[in-house]
Amino acid sequence: MPDRRPPLALVLGLALAACGAPDAAVVPVSEAALAAPPPRLGETAEFDAALARADPDARRLETDAADLAARATALRARAAAMGAAIIDPAVRPRLEAGAAGNQP
C-alpha cells in the first residue's frame, strides 16, 4: 500500500505561507493618523484609586480561596476513605465460598 502522507516540503511550504498577513489585512495608515498626537495616558492617581477600591474585594477573595482550599483537602480525604474496601478482607473469602456454593 502506498504511503499517503504528504511530503514534508509541502507541509512546511503551506505552514510558511500561512504565517504572513493576507493582502486584505494590510491597511495603509492615513496622513491624518500619522499627524495626530499620541493618545493621552491616564493619570496614575486614577489607577491607584481603582486599586484601592478593589483591595477589600481582593482580600475577601484571598480568604475565600483559603477556605476553599481547606474544604477541598477535607473532601479529598473523605473521597479517599470512601475508596476503602466495604467488605472486611477477612470475611470476603467466606462470603465468596458461600456464594459459589449457591450457584447452579
N, C-alpha and C. Protein backbone atom coordinates (compact mmCIF):
# COMPACT_ATOMS: atom_id res chain seq x y z
N MET A 1 0.85 -1.17 0.00
CA MET A 1 0.00 0.00 0.00
C MET A 1 0.90 1.24 0.00
N PRO A 2 0.63 2.21 -0.86
CA PRO A 2 1.50 3.39 -0.95
C PRO A 2 1.34 4.29 0.27
N ASP A 3 2.41 5.02 0.57
CA ASP A 3 2.39 5.97 1.68
C ASP A 3 1.59 7.19 1.26
N ARG A 4 0.52 7.50 2.01
CA ARG A 4 -0.39 8.59 1.62
C ARG A 4 -0.10 9.87 2.40
N ARG A 5 0.97 9.90 3.18
CA ARG A 5 1.30 11.12 3.91
C ARG A 5 1.86 12.16 2.94
N PRO A 6 1.55 13.46 3.16
CA PRO A 6 2.09 14.49 2.28
C PRO A 6 3.60 14.65 2.54
N PRO A 7 4.33 15.00 1.51
CA PRO A 7 5.77 15.21 1.69
C PRO A 7 6.04 16.35 2.67
N LEU A 8 7.14 16.23 3.39
CA LEU A 8 7.50 17.22 4.40
C LEU A 8 7.65 18.61 3.79
N ALA A 9 8.20 18.72 2.61
CA ALA A 9 8.39 20.02 1.96
C ALA A 9 7.05 20.69 1.71
N LEU A 10 6.04 19.94 1.34
CA LEU A 10 4.72 20.51 1.09
C LEU A 10 4.13 21.04 2.39
N VAL A 11 4.24 20.27 3.45
CA VAL A 11 3.70 20.70 4.75
C VAL A 11 4.40 21.96 5.23
N LEU A 12 5.72 21.99 5.14
CA LEU A 12 6.46 23.17 5.57
C LEU A 12 6.14 24.39 4.71
N GLY A 13 6.00 24.18 3.40
CA GLY A 13 5.65 25.29 2.50
C GLY A 13 4.30 25.88 2.83
N LEU A 14 3.32 25.03 3.10
CA LEU A 14 2.00 25.53 3.46
C LEU A 14 2.03 26.26 4.81
N ALA A 15 2.80 25.73 5.74
CA ALA A 15 2.90 26.37 7.05
C ALA A 15 3.53 27.75 6.93
N LEU A 16 4.57 27.88 6.13
CA LEU A 16 5.21 29.18 5.94
C LEU A 16 4.30 30.15 5.20
N ALA A 17 3.53 29.67 4.24
CA ALA A 17 2.61 30.54 3.51
C ALA A 17 1.52 31.06 4.43
N ALA A 18 1.15 30.30 5.43
CA ALA A 18 0.09 30.71 6.34
C ALA A 18 0.59 31.73 7.36
N CYS A 19 1.89 31.95 7.48
CA CYS A 19 2.42 32.84 8.50
C CYS A 19 2.23 34.32 8.18
N GLY A 20 2.17 34.69 6.92
CA GLY A 20 2.07 36.09 6.54
C GLY A 20 0.64 36.60 6.65
N ALA A 21 0.50 37.91 6.77
CA ALA A 21 -0.83 38.51 6.81
C ALA A 21 -1.43 38.48 5.41
N PRO A 22 -2.72 38.21 5.30
CA PRO A 22 -3.35 38.23 3.98
C PRO A 22 -3.34 39.64 3.42
N ASP A 23 -3.39 39.75 2.11
CA ASP A 23 -3.31 41.06 1.46
C ASP A 23 -4.42 41.99 1.90
N ALA A 24 -5.60 41.46 2.18
CA ALA A 24 -6.72 42.30 2.59
C ALA A 24 -6.51 42.89 3.98
N ALA A 25 -5.63 42.31 4.78
CA ALA A 25 -5.40 42.79 6.14
C ALA A 25 -4.40 43.93 6.19
N VAL A 26 -3.64 44.17 5.15
CA VAL A 26 -2.66 45.24 5.14
C VAL A 26 -3.39 46.53 4.81
N VAL A 27 -3.48 47.41 5.80
CA VAL A 27 -4.24 48.66 5.64
C VAL A 27 -3.26 49.82 5.73
N PRO A 28 -3.29 50.71 4.74
CA PRO A 28 -2.37 51.86 4.82
C PRO A 28 -2.82 52.83 5.91
N VAL A 29 -1.84 53.48 6.56
CA VAL A 29 -2.13 54.45 7.61
C VAL A 29 -2.32 55.81 6.94
N SER A 30 -3.41 56.48 7.30
CA SER A 30 -3.71 57.78 6.67
C SER A 30 -2.77 58.86 7.18
N GLU A 31 -2.71 59.95 6.41
CA GLU A 31 -1.88 61.09 6.81
C GLU A 31 -2.42 61.71 8.11
N ALA A 32 -3.74 61.72 8.26
CA ALA A 32 -4.33 62.30 9.47
C ALA A 32 -3.93 61.49 10.70
N ALA A 33 -3.89 60.16 10.56
CA ALA A 33 -3.49 59.32 11.69
C ALA A 33 -2.02 59.52 12.02
N LEU A 34 -1.21 59.70 10.99
CA LEU A 34 0.22 59.93 11.23
C LEU A 34 0.47 61.28 11.89
N ALA A 35 -0.34 62.30 11.56
CA ALA A 35 -0.16 63.65 12.10
C ALA A 35 -0.80 63.81 13.47
N ALA A 36 -1.67 62.90 13.87
CA ALA A 36 -2.37 63.03 15.15
C ALA A 36 -1.41 62.84 16.32
N PRO A 37 -1.69 63.53 17.44
CA PRO A 37 -0.83 63.34 18.61
C PRO A 37 -1.04 61.94 19.20
N PRO A 38 -0.08 61.44 19.94
CA PRO A 38 -0.25 60.12 20.55
C PRO A 38 -1.38 60.15 21.57
N PRO A 39 -1.96 59.02 21.88
CA PRO A 39 -3.06 59.01 22.86
C PRO A 39 -2.55 59.43 24.24
N ARG A 40 -3.45 60.08 24.99
CA ARG A 40 -3.11 60.54 26.33
C ARG A 40 -3.23 59.37 27.30
N LEU A 41 -2.22 59.18 28.11
CA LEU A 41 -2.26 58.13 29.11
C LEU A 41 -3.05 58.61 30.32
N GLY A 42 -3.70 57.69 30.99
CA GLY A 42 -4.47 58.04 32.18
C GLY A 42 -3.56 58.41 33.32
N GLU A 43 -4.09 59.18 34.25
CA GLU A 43 -3.33 59.60 35.42
C GLU A 43 -3.11 58.40 36.34
N THR A 44 -1.96 58.34 36.94
CA THR A 44 -1.64 57.26 37.86
C THR A 44 -2.58 57.25 39.05
N ALA A 45 -3.03 58.44 39.48
CA ALA A 45 -3.93 58.52 40.62
C ALA A 45 -5.24 57.80 40.34
N GLU A 46 -5.70 57.84 39.09
CA GLU A 46 -6.93 57.14 38.73
C GLU A 46 -6.76 55.63 38.93
N PHE A 47 -5.62 55.12 38.51
CA PHE A 47 -5.36 53.69 38.67
C PHE A 47 -5.20 53.33 40.15
N ASP A 48 -4.52 54.20 40.91
CA ASP A 48 -4.35 53.94 42.34
C ASP A 48 -5.70 53.91 43.05
N ALA A 49 -6.60 54.81 42.66
CA ALA A 49 -7.92 54.85 43.29
C ALA A 49 -8.70 53.58 42.96
N ALA A 50 -8.60 53.12 41.73
CA ALA A 50 -9.31 51.89 41.35
C ALA A 50 -8.75 50.70 42.12
N LEU A 51 -7.45 50.65 42.28
CA LEU A 51 -6.85 49.56 43.05
C LEU A 51 -7.25 49.62 44.51
N ALA A 52 -7.34 50.83 45.07
CA ALA A 52 -7.74 50.97 46.47
C ALA A 52 -9.18 50.51 46.67
N ARG A 53 -10.05 50.82 45.70
CA ARG A 53 -11.44 50.36 45.80
C ARG A 53 -11.54 48.84 45.68
N ALA A 54 -10.65 48.23 44.93
CA ALA A 54 -10.69 46.78 44.70
C ALA A 54 -10.01 46.00 45.82
N ASP A 55 -9.23 46.67 46.67
CA ASP A 55 -8.47 45.96 47.70
C ASP A 55 -9.34 45.15 48.66
N PRO A 56 -10.45 45.66 49.18
CA PRO A 56 -11.28 44.82 50.08
C PRO A 56 -11.79 43.56 49.38
N ASP A 57 -12.17 43.69 48.12
CA ASP A 57 -12.64 42.52 47.38
C ASP A 57 -11.51 41.52 47.20
N ALA A 58 -10.31 42.01 46.93
CA ALA A 58 -9.17 41.11 46.75
C ALA A 58 -8.87 40.37 48.05
N ARG A 59 -8.94 41.07 49.16
CA ARG A 59 -8.69 40.41 50.45
C ARG A 59 -9.76 39.35 50.74
N ARG A 60 -11.01 39.68 50.42
CA ARG A 60 -12.09 38.71 50.64
C ARG A 60 -11.89 37.49 49.76
N LEU A 61 -11.46 37.69 48.53
CA LEU A 61 -11.21 36.56 47.63
C LEU A 61 -10.06 35.70 48.13
N GLU A 62 -9.03 36.33 48.70
CA GLU A 62 -7.93 35.56 49.26
C GLU A 62 -8.41 34.69 50.41
N THR A 63 -9.28 35.24 51.26
CA THR A 63 -9.86 34.47 52.38
C THR A 63 -10.71 33.34 51.84
N ASP A 64 -11.53 33.63 50.84
CA ASP A 64 -12.36 32.60 50.24
C ASP A 64 -11.50 31.49 49.63
N ALA A 65 -10.39 31.87 49.01
CA ALA A 65 -9.51 30.87 48.41
C ALA A 65 -8.93 29.95 49.47
N ALA A 66 -8.55 30.50 50.62
CA ALA A 66 -8.01 29.65 51.70
C ALA A 66 -9.09 28.71 52.22
N ASP A 67 -10.31 29.22 52.38
CA ASP A 67 -11.41 28.37 52.84
C ASP A 67 -11.71 27.26 51.83
N LEU A 68 -11.69 27.61 50.56
CA LEU A 68 -11.95 26.61 49.52
C LEU A 68 -10.85 25.55 49.48
N ALA A 69 -9.61 25.97 49.68
CA ALA A 69 -8.51 25.00 49.69
C ALA A 69 -8.66 24.03 50.86
N ALA A 70 -9.05 24.54 52.02
CA ALA A 70 -9.25 23.67 53.18
C ALA A 70 -10.42 22.72 52.94
N ARG A 71 -11.47 23.22 52.33
CA ARG A 71 -12.63 22.36 52.04
C ARG A 71 -12.26 21.28 51.02
N ALA A 72 -11.46 21.66 50.00
CA ALA A 72 -11.04 20.68 49.00
C ALA A 72 -10.19 19.59 49.63
N THR A 73 -9.31 19.96 50.56
CA THR A 73 -8.48 18.97 51.24
C THR A 73 -9.35 18.01 52.04
N ALA A 74 -10.36 18.54 52.73
CA ALA A 74 -11.26 17.68 53.51
C ALA A 74 -12.05 16.75 52.59
N LEU A 75 -12.49 17.26 51.45
CA LEU A 75 -13.25 16.41 50.52
C LEU A 75 -12.37 15.33 49.90
N ARG A 76 -11.11 15.65 49.62
CA ARG A 76 -10.19 14.63 49.09
C ARG A 76 -9.98 13.51 50.12
N ALA A 77 -9.83 13.89 51.39
CA ALA A 77 -9.66 12.89 52.45
C ALA A 77 -10.92 12.02 52.57
N ARG A 78 -12.07 12.64 52.47
CA ARG A 78 -13.32 11.89 52.53
C ARG A 78 -13.46 10.94 51.35
N ALA A 79 -13.07 11.40 50.17
CA ALA A 79 -13.14 10.54 48.98
C ALA A 79 -12.17 9.38 49.10
N ALA A 80 -11.00 9.61 49.66
CA ALA A 80 -10.03 8.53 49.85
C ALA A 80 -10.58 7.48 50.81
N ALA A 81 -11.29 7.94 51.85
CA ALA A 81 -11.87 7.00 52.81
C ALA A 81 -12.99 6.18 52.16
N MET A 82 -13.71 6.78 51.23
CA MET A 82 -14.78 6.06 50.55
C MET A 82 -14.24 5.01 49.59
N GLY A 83 -13.00 5.13 49.20
CA GLY A 83 -12.40 4.18 48.29
C GLY A 83 -11.94 2.90 48.98
N ALA A 84 -12.05 2.86 50.31
CA ALA A 84 -11.61 1.68 51.06
C ALA A 84 -12.59 0.53 50.83
N ALA A 85 -12.16 -0.68 51.17
CA ALA A 85 -13.00 -1.87 50.99
C ALA A 85 -14.24 -1.78 51.86
N ILE A 86 -15.36 -2.16 51.29
CA ILE A 86 -16.62 -2.14 52.04
C ILE A 86 -16.75 -3.41 52.87
N ILE A 87 -16.37 -4.52 52.28
CA ILE A 87 -16.43 -5.80 52.99
C ILE A 87 -15.07 -6.06 53.60
N ASP A 88 -15.06 -6.47 54.84
CA ASP A 88 -13.83 -6.76 55.56
C ASP A 88 -13.06 -7.85 54.80
N PRO A 89 -11.77 -7.61 54.49
CA PRO A 89 -11.00 -8.60 53.75
C PRO A 89 -10.95 -9.97 54.43
N ALA A 90 -11.09 -10.05 55.74
CA ALA A 90 -11.08 -11.35 56.45
C ALA A 90 -12.38 -12.12 56.21
N VAL A 91 -13.47 -11.43 55.94
CA VAL A 91 -14.77 -12.07 55.75
C VAL A 91 -15.02 -12.41 54.28
N ARG A 92 -14.37 -11.71 53.36
CA ARG A 92 -14.61 -11.88 51.93
C ARG A 92 -14.50 -13.33 51.45
N PRO A 93 -13.45 -14.10 51.80
CA PRO A 93 -13.37 -15.48 51.29
C PRO A 93 -14.57 -16.34 51.70
N ARG A 94 -15.04 -16.17 52.94
CA ARG A 94 -16.19 -16.95 53.40
C ARG A 94 -17.45 -16.59 52.61
N LEU A 95 -17.64 -15.29 52.32
CA LEU A 95 -18.80 -14.86 51.53
C LEU A 95 -18.72 -15.40 50.10
N GLU A 96 -17.52 -15.32 49.50
CA GLU A 96 -17.36 -15.81 48.14
C GLU A 96 -17.57 -17.32 48.07
N ALA A 97 -17.10 -18.06 49.09
CA ALA A 97 -17.30 -19.53 49.12
C ALA A 97 -18.79 -19.83 49.25
N GLY A 98 -19.50 -19.08 50.08
CA GLY A 98 -20.93 -19.30 50.24
C GLY A 98 -21.69 -18.98 48.96
N ALA A 99 -21.27 -17.92 48.28
CA ALA A 99 -21.95 -17.54 47.03
C ALA A 99 -21.65 -18.55 45.95
N ALA A 100 -20.45 -19.12 45.94
CA ALA A 100 -20.10 -20.11 44.91
C ALA A 100 -20.89 -21.40 45.12
N GLY A 101 -21.19 -21.75 46.37
CA GLY A 101 -21.97 -22.95 46.66
C GLY A 101 -23.44 -22.82 46.30
N ASN A 102 -23.94 -21.60 46.15
CA ASN A 102 -25.35 -21.39 45.84
C ASN A 102 -25.60 -21.23 44.35
N GLN A 103 -24.56 -21.29 43.54
CA GLN A 103 -24.76 -21.13 42.10
C GLN A 103 -25.11 -22.47 41.48
N PRO A 104 -26.00 -22.44 40.45
CA PRO A 104 -26.39 -23.73 39.81
C PRO A 104 -25.27 -24.34 39.00
